Amino acid sequence: MESKDQGEFKKLVLVRLQAMPSDISVHMGSVGELTREDLLEHVKKGDDLGRKIIAVQLRYIRAMKDL
């Protein structure tokens, strides 16, 4: 079960990913190239890769806050 904060972080990341251009792709280490739709699907599922995507996005948001 997700905590309230985790659910809110997941929603925030989904909104951020949906705002990306639909033709964008991201290379993620050994996973390879992922489309925006791939990223969205993994975050929605909440699988290992989805949790990593959320963690990366949250680190980015926190880093931007500290600028």
PDB file of N, CA and C in Angstrom:
ATOM      1  N   MET A   1       0.844  -1.184   0.000  1.00  0.00           N
ATOM      2  CA  MET A   1       0.000   0.000   0.000  1.00  0.00           C
ATOM      3  C   MET A   1       0.890   1.249   0.000  1.00  0.00           C
ATOM      4  N   GLU A   2       0.489   2.247  -0.799  1.00  0.00           N
ATOM      5  CA  GLU A   2       1.246   3.496  -0.873  1.00  0.00           C
ATOM      6  C   GLU A   2       0.888   4.417   0.281  1.00  0.00           C
ATOM      7  N   SER A   3       1.901   5.124   0.770  1.00  0.00           N
ATOM      8  CA  SER A   3       1.607   6.152   1.757  1.00  0.00           C
ATOM      9  C   SER A   3       1.009   7.342   1.025  1.00  0.00           C
ATOM     10  N   LYS A   4       0.428   8.265   1.779  1.00  0.00           N
ATOM     11  CA  LYS A   4      -0.186   9.445   1.186  1.00  0.00           C
ATOM     12  C   LYS A   4       0.851  10.245   0.398  1.00  0.00           C
ATOM     13  N   ASP A   5       2.046  10.433   0.984  1.00  0.00           N
ATOM     14  CA  ASP A   5       3.112  11.183   0.307  1.00  0.00           C
ATOM     15  C   ASP A   5       3.535  10.498  -0.981  1.00  0.00           C
ATOM     16  N   GLN A   6       3.699   9.182  -0.938  1.00  0.00           N
ATOM     17  CA  GLN A   6       4.105   8.460  -2.139  1.00  0.00           C
ATOM     18  C   GLN A   6       3.072   8.613  -3.245  1.00  0.00           C
ATOM     19  N   GLY A   7       1.819   8.559  -2.881  1.00  0.00           N
ATOM     20  CA  GLY A   7       0.750   8.742  -3.865  1.00  0.00           C
ATOM     21  C   GLY A   7       0.772  10.135  -4.471  1.00  0.00           C
ATOM     22  N   GLU A   8       1.056  11.133  -3.640  1.00  0.00           N
ATOM     23  CA  GLU A   8       1.138  12.514  -4.131  1.00  0.00           C
ATOM     24  C   GLU A   8       2.355  12.697  -5.042  1.00  0.00           C
ATOM     25  N   PHE A   9       3.491  12.092  -4.668  1.00  0.00           N
ATOM     26  CA  PHE A   9       4.688  12.165  -5.506  1.00  0.00           C
ATOM     27  C   PHE A   9       4.420  11.508  -6.851  1.00  0.00           C
ATOM     28  N   LYS A  10       3.745  10.376  -6.820  1.00  0.00           N
ATOM     29  CA  LYS A  10       3.425   9.653  -8.052  1.00  0.00           C
ATOM     30  C   LYS A  10       2.549  10.522  -8.954  1.00  0.00           C
ATOM     31  N   LYS A  11       1.537  11.176  -8.392  1.00  0.00           N
ATOM     32  CA  LYS A  11       0.671  12.063  -9.177  1.00  0.00           C
ATOM     33  C   LYS A  11       1.470  13.201  -9.799  1.00  0.00           C
ATOM     34  N   LEU A  12       2.361  13.798  -8.990  1.00  0.00           N
ATOM     35  CA  LEU A  12       3.184  14.899  -9.475  1.00  0.00           C
ATOM     36  C   LEU A  12       4.056  14.454 -10.648  1.00  0.00           C
ATOM     37  N   VAL A  13       4.683  13.306 -10.516  1.00  0.00           N
ATOM     38  CA  VAL A  13       5.545  12.795 -11.584  1.00  0.00           C
ATOM     39  C   VAL A  13       4.726  12.476 -12.827  1.00  0.00           C
ATOM     40  N   LEU A  14       3.547  11.900 -12.670  1.00  0.00           N
ATOM     41  CA  LEU A  14       2.694  11.613 -13.826  1.00  0.00           C
ATOM     42  C   LEU A  14       2.336  12.894 -14.580  1.00  0.00           C
ATOM     43  N   VAL A  15       2.015  13.944 -13.846  1.00  0.00           N
ATOM     44  CA  VAL A  15       1.691  15.230 -14.495  1.00  0.00           C
ATOM     45  C   VAL A  15       2.909  15.771 -15.235  1.00  0.00           C
ATOM     46  N   ARG A  16       4.078  15.694 -14.596  1.00  0.00           N
ATOM     47  CA  ARG A  16       5.312  16.166 -15.240  1.00  0.00           C
ATOM     48  C   ARG A  16       5.601  15.376 -16.518  1.00  0.00           C
ATOM     49  N   LEU A  17       5.444  14.059 -16.468  1.00  0.00           N
ATOM     50  CA  LEU A  17       5.701  13.234 -17.642  1.00  0.00           C
ATOM     51  C   LEU A  17       4.689  13.507 -18.752  1.00  0.00           C
ATOM     52  N   GLN A  18       3.429  13.721 -18.386  1.00  0.00           N
ATOM     53  CA  GLN A  18       2.405  14.000 -19.390  1.00  0.00           C
ATOM     54  C   GLN A  18       2.648  15.334 -20.082  1.00  0.00           C
ATOM     55  N   ALA A  19       3.347  16.244 -19.407  1.00  0.00           N
ATOM     56  CA  ALA A  19       3.645  17.552 -19.988  1.00  0.00           C
ATOM     57  C   ALA A  19       4.812  17.489 -20.978  1.00  0.00           C
ATOM     58  N   MET A  20       5.546  16.383 -20.969  1.00  0.00           N
ATOM     59  CA  MET A  20       6.665  16.221 -21.900  1.00  0.00           C
ATOM     60  C   MET A  20       6.128  16.026 -23.317  1.00  0.00           C
ATOM     61  N   PRO A  21       6.909  16.417 -24.332  1.00  0.00           N
ATOM     62  CA  PRO A  21       6.485  16.153 -25.712  1.00  0.00           C
ATOM     63  C   PRO A  21       6.268  14.652 -25.933  1.00  0.00           C
ATOM     64  N   SER A  22       5.276  14.306 -26.712  1.00  0.00           N
ATOM     65  CA  SER A  22       4.922  12.893 -26.902  1.00  0.00           C
ATOM     66  C   SER A  22       5.995  12.112 -27.658  1.00  0.00           C
ATOM     67  N   ASP A  23       6.868  12.794 -28.390  1.00  0.00           N
ATOM     68  CA  ASP A  23       7.889  12.092 -29.174  1.00  0.00           C
ATOM     69  C   ASP A  23       9.249  12.008 -28.472  1.00  0.00           C
ATOM     70  N   ILE A  24       9.288  12.387 -27.206  1.00  0.00           N
ATOM     71  CA  ILE A  24      10.551  12.354 -26.465  1.00  0.00           C
ATOM     72  C   ILE A  24      10.878  10.924 -26.033  1.00  0.00           C
ATOM     73  N   SER A  25      12.170  10.643 -25.960  1.00  0.00           N
ATOM     74  CA  SER A  25      12.601   9.355 -25.400  1.00  0.00           C
ATOM     75  C   SER A  25      13.764   9.628 -24.450  1.00  0.00           C
ATOM     76  N   VAL A  26      13.915   8.728 -23.495  1.00  0.00           N
ATOM     77  CA  VAL A  26      14.935   8.860 -22.460  1.00  0.00           C
ATOM     78  C   VAL A  26      15.716   7.557 -22.409  1.00  0.00           C
ATOM     79  N   HIS A  27      17.035   7.671 -22.302  1.00  0.00           N
ATOM     80  CA  HIS A  27      17.861   6.472 -22.157  1.00  0.00           C
ATOM     81  C   HIS A  27      18.146   6.268 -20.673  1.00  0.00           C
ATOM     82  N   MET A  28      17.811   5.090 -20.170  1.00  0.00           N
ATOM     83  CA  MET A  28      18.014   4.805 -18.750  1.00  0.00           C
ATOM     84  C   MET A  28      18.912   3.589 -18.579  1.00  0.00           C
ATOM     85  N   GLY A  29      20.218   3.841 -18.541  1.00  0.00           N
ATOM     86  CA  GLY A  29      21.202   2.812 -18.256  1.00  0.00           C
ATOM     87  C   GLY A  29      20.975   1.508 -18.987  1.00  0.00           C
ATOM     88  N   SER A  30      20.993   0.413 -18.256  1.00  0.00           N
ATOM     89  CA  SER A  30      20.868  -0.912 -18.861  1.00  0.00           C
ATOM     90  C   SER A  30      19.460  -1.204 -19.374  1.00  0.00           C
ATOM     91  N   VAL A  31      18.489  -0.376 -18.981  1.00  0.00           N
ATOM     92  CA  VAL A  31      17.107  -0.574 -19.441  1.00  0.00           C
ATOM     93  C   VAL A  31      16.982  -0.214 -20.913  1.00  0.00           C
ATOM     94  N   GLY A  32      17.730   0.804 -21.329  1.00  0.00           N
ATOM     95  CA  GLY A  32      17.692   1.239 -22.717  1.00  0.00           C
ATOM     96  C   GLY A  32      16.794   2.451 -22.901  1.00  0.00           C
ATOM     97  N   GLU A  33      16.340   2.623 -24.118  1.00  0.00           N
ATOM     98  CA  GLU A  33      15.543   3.795 -24.472  1.00  0.00           C
ATOM     99  C   GLU A  33      14.073   3.581 -24.125  1.00  0.00           C
ATOM    100  N   LEU A  34      13.477   4.598 -23.499  1.00  0.00           N
ATOM    101  CA  LEU A  34      12.075   4.538 -23.107  1.00  0.00           C
ATOM    102  C   LEU A  34      11.352   5.751 -23.671  1.00  0.00           C
ATOM    103  N   THR A  35      10.170   5.528 -24.201  1.00  0.00           N
ATOM    104  CA  THR A  35       9.345   6.634 -24.676  1.00  0.00           C
ATOM    105  C   THR A  35       8.599   7.254 -23.494  1.00  0.00           C
ATOM    106  N   ARG A  36       7.981   8.369 -23.742  1.00  0.00           N
ATOM    107  CA  ARG A  36       7.171   8.995 -22.688  1.00  0.00           C
ATOM    108  C   ARG A  36       6.092   8.032 -22.212  1.00  0.00           C
ATOM    109  N   GLU A  37       5.488   7.311 -23.140  1.00  0.00           N
ATOM    110  CA  GLU A  37       4.433   6.357 -22.775  1.00  0.00           C
ATOM    111  C   GLU A  37       4.987   5.218 -21.920  1.00  0.00           C
ATOM    112  N   ASP A  38       6.207   4.768 -22.224  1.00  0.00           N
ATOM    113  CA  ASP A  38       6.849   3.738 -21.402  1.00  0.00           C
ATOM    114  C   ASP A  38       7.044   4.255 -19.975  1.00  0.00           C
ATOM    115  N   LEU A  39       7.556   5.482 -19.858  1.00  0.00           N
ATOM    116  CA  LEU A  39       7.782   6.084 -18.544  1.00  0.00           C
ATOM    117  C   LEU A  39       6.479   6.165 -17.760  1.00  0.00           C
ATOM    118  N   LEU A  40       5.431   6.659 -18.422  1.00  0.00           N
ATOM    119  CA  LEU A  40       4.126   6.779 -17.768  1.00  0.00           C
ATOM    120  C   LEU A  40       3.620   5.416 -17.288  1.00  0.00           C
ATOM    121  N   GLU A  41       3.763   4.406 -18.121  1.00  0.00           N
ATOM    122  CA  GLU A  41       3.269   3.071 -17.781  1.00  0.00           C
ATOM    123  C   GLU A  41       3.993   2.503 -16.557  1.00  0.00           C
ATOM    124  N   HIS A  42       5.309   2.666 -16.518  1.00  0.00           N
ATOM    125  CA  HIS A  42       6.065   2.147 -15.379  1.00  0.00           C
ATOM    126  C   HIS A  42       5.694   2.877 -14.086  1.00  0.00           C
ATOM    127  N   VAL A  43       5.514   4.191 -14.162  1.00  0.00           N
ATOM    128  CA  VAL A  43       5.130   4.955 -12.965  1.00  0.00           C
ATOM    129  C   VAL A  43       3.732   4.536 -12.514  1.00  0.00           C
ATOM    130  N   LYS A  44       2.807   4.391 -13.452  1.00  0.00           N
ATOM    131  CA  LYS A  44       1.440   3.979 -13.098  1.00  0.00           C
ATOM    132  C   LYS A  44       1.429   2.602 -12.435  1.00  0.00           C
ATOM    133  N   LYS A  45       2.240   1.671 -12.965  1.00  0.00           N
ATOM    134  CA  LYS A  45       2.309   0.323 -12.397  1.00  0.00           C
ATOM    135  C   LYS A  45       2.942   0.327 -11.009  1.00  0.00           C
ATOM    136  N   GLY A  46       3.876   1.262 -10.806  1.00  0.00           N
ATOM    137  CA  GLY A  46       4.581   1.304  -9.533  1.00  0.00           C
ATOM    138  C   GLY A  46       5.621   0.206  -9.404  1.00  0.00           C
ATOM    139  N   ASP A  47       6.105  -0.288 -10.549  1.00  0.00           N
ATOM    140  CA  ASP A  47       7.129  -1.333 -10.514  1.00  0.00           C
ATOM    141  C   ASP A  47       8.488  -0.726 -10.137  1.00  0.00           C
ATOM    142  N   ASP A  48       9.525  -1.550 -10.115  1.00  0.00           N
ATOM    143  CA  ASP A  48      10.860  -1.070  -9.711  1.00  0.00           C
ATOM    144  C   ASP A  48      11.310   0.109 -10.558  1.00  0.00           C
ATOM    145  N   LEU A  49      11.152  -0.010 -11.859  1.00  0.00           N
ATOM    146  CA  LEU A  49      11.571   1.076 -12.742  1.00  0.00           C
ATOM    147  C   LEU A  49      10.722   2.325 -12.501  1.00  0.00           C
ATOM    148  N   GLY A  50       9.435   2.150 -12.293  1.00  0.00           N
ATOM    149  CA  GLY A  50       8.556   3.280 -12.001  1.00  0.00           C
ATOM    150  C   GLY A  50       8.973   4.012 -10.737  1.00  0.00           C
ATOM    151  N   ARG A  51       9.354   3.259  -9.716  1.00  0.00           N
ATOM    152  CA  ARG A  51       9.821   3.882  -8.461  1.00  0.00           C
ATOM    153  C   ARG A  51      11.133   4.630  -8.675  1.00  0.00           C
ATOM    154  N   LYS A  52      12.004   4.098  -9.543  1.00  0.00           N
ATOM    155  CA  LYS A  52      13.251   4.790  -9.853  1.00  0.00           C
ATOM    156  C   LYS A  52      12.983   6.086 -10.612  1.00  0.00           C
ATOM    157  N   ILE A  53      12.049   6.048 -11.533  1.00  0.00           N
ATOM    158  CA  ILE A  53      11.678   7.248 -12.289  1.00  0.00           C
ATOM    159  C   ILE A  53      11.151   8.316 -11.335  1.00  0.00           C
ATOM    160  N   ILE A  54      10.306   7.915 -10.395  1.00  0.00           N
ATOM    161  CA  ILE A  54       9.780   8.858  -9.406  1.00  0.00           C
ATOM    162  C   ILE A  54      10.921   9.443  -8.580  1.00  0.00           C
ATOM    163  N   ALA A  55      11.844   8.608  -8.153  1.00  0.00           N
ATOM    164  CA  ALA A  55      12.974   9.077  -7.336  1.00  0.00           C
ATOM    165  C   ALA A  55      13.819  10.086  -8.109  1.00  0.00           C
ATOM    166  N   VAL A  56      14.092   9.811  -9.371  1.00  0.00           N
ATOM    167  CA  VAL A  56      14.884  10.726 -10.199  1.00  0.00           C
ATOM    168  C   VAL A  56      14.161  12.057 -10.359  1.00  0.00           C
ATOM    169  N   GLN A  57      12.880  12.009 -10.628  1.00  0.00           N
ATOM    170  CA  GLN A  57      12.098  13.237 -10.800  1.00  0.00           C
ATOM    171  C   GLN A  57      12.068  14.051  -9.509  1.00  0.00           C
ATOM    172  N   LEU A  58      11.916  13.386  -8.390  1.00  0.00           N
ATOM    173  CA  LEU A  58      11.887  14.098  -7.109  1.00  0.00           C
ATOM    174  C   LEU A  58      13.233  14.733  -6.794  1.00  0.00           C
ATOM    175  N   ARG A  59      14.332  14.040  -7.123  1.00  0.00           N
ATOM    176  CA  ARG A  59      15.662  14.645  -6.928  1.00  0.00           C
ATOM    177  C   ARG A  59      15.822  15.884  -7.790  1.00  0.00           C
ATOM    178  N   TYR A  60      15.337  15.817  -9.014  1.00  0.00           N
ATOM    179  CA  TYR A  60      15.409  16.962  -9.919  1.00  0.00           C
ATOM    180  C   TYR A  60      14.606  18.142  -9.354  1.00  0.00           C
ATOM    181  N   ILE A  61      13.393  17.886  -8.919  1.00  0.00           N
ATOM    182  CA  ILE A  61      12.534  18.944  -8.370  1.00  0.00           C
ATOM    183  C   ILE A  61      13.189  19.577  -7.143  1.00  0.00           C
ATOM    184  N   ARG A  62      13.740  18.745  -6.274  1.00  0.00           N
ATOM    185  CA  ARG A  62      14.398  19.275  -5.067  1.00  0.00           C
ATOM    186  C   ARG A  62      15.635  20.087  -5.428  1.00  0.00           C
ATOM    187  N   ALA A  63      16.390  19.645  -6.414  1.00  0.00           N
ATOM    188  CA  ALA A  63      17.585  20.380  -6.848  1.00  0.00           C
ATOM    189  C   ALA A  63      17.188  21.742  -7.426  1.00  0.00           C
ATOM    190  N   MET A  64      16.109  21.787  -8.175  1.00  0.00           N
ATOM    191  CA  MET A  64      15.656  23.056  -8.762  1.00  0.00           C
ATOM    192  C   MET A  64      15.173  24.017  -7.674  1.00  0.00           C
ATOM    193  N   LYS A  65      14.607  23.484  -6.623  1.00  0.00           N
ATOM    194  CA  LYS A  65      14.129  24.301  -5.518  1.00  0.00           C
ATOM    195  C   LYS A  65      15.288  24.998  -4.825  1.00  0.00           C
ATOM    196  N   ASP A  66      16.427  24.324  -4.757  1.00  0.00           N
ATOM    197  CA  ASP A  66      17.589  24.850  -4.046  1.00  0.00           C
ATOM    198  C   ASP A  66      18.423  25.822  -4.869  1.00  0.00           C
ATOM    199  N   LEU A  67      18.090  26.051  -6.115  1.00  0.00           N
ATOM    200  CA  LEU A  67      18.861  26.987  -6.948  1.00  0.00           C
ATOM    201  C   LEU A  67      18.643  28.419  -6.533  1.00  0.00           C
TER     202      LEU A  67
END
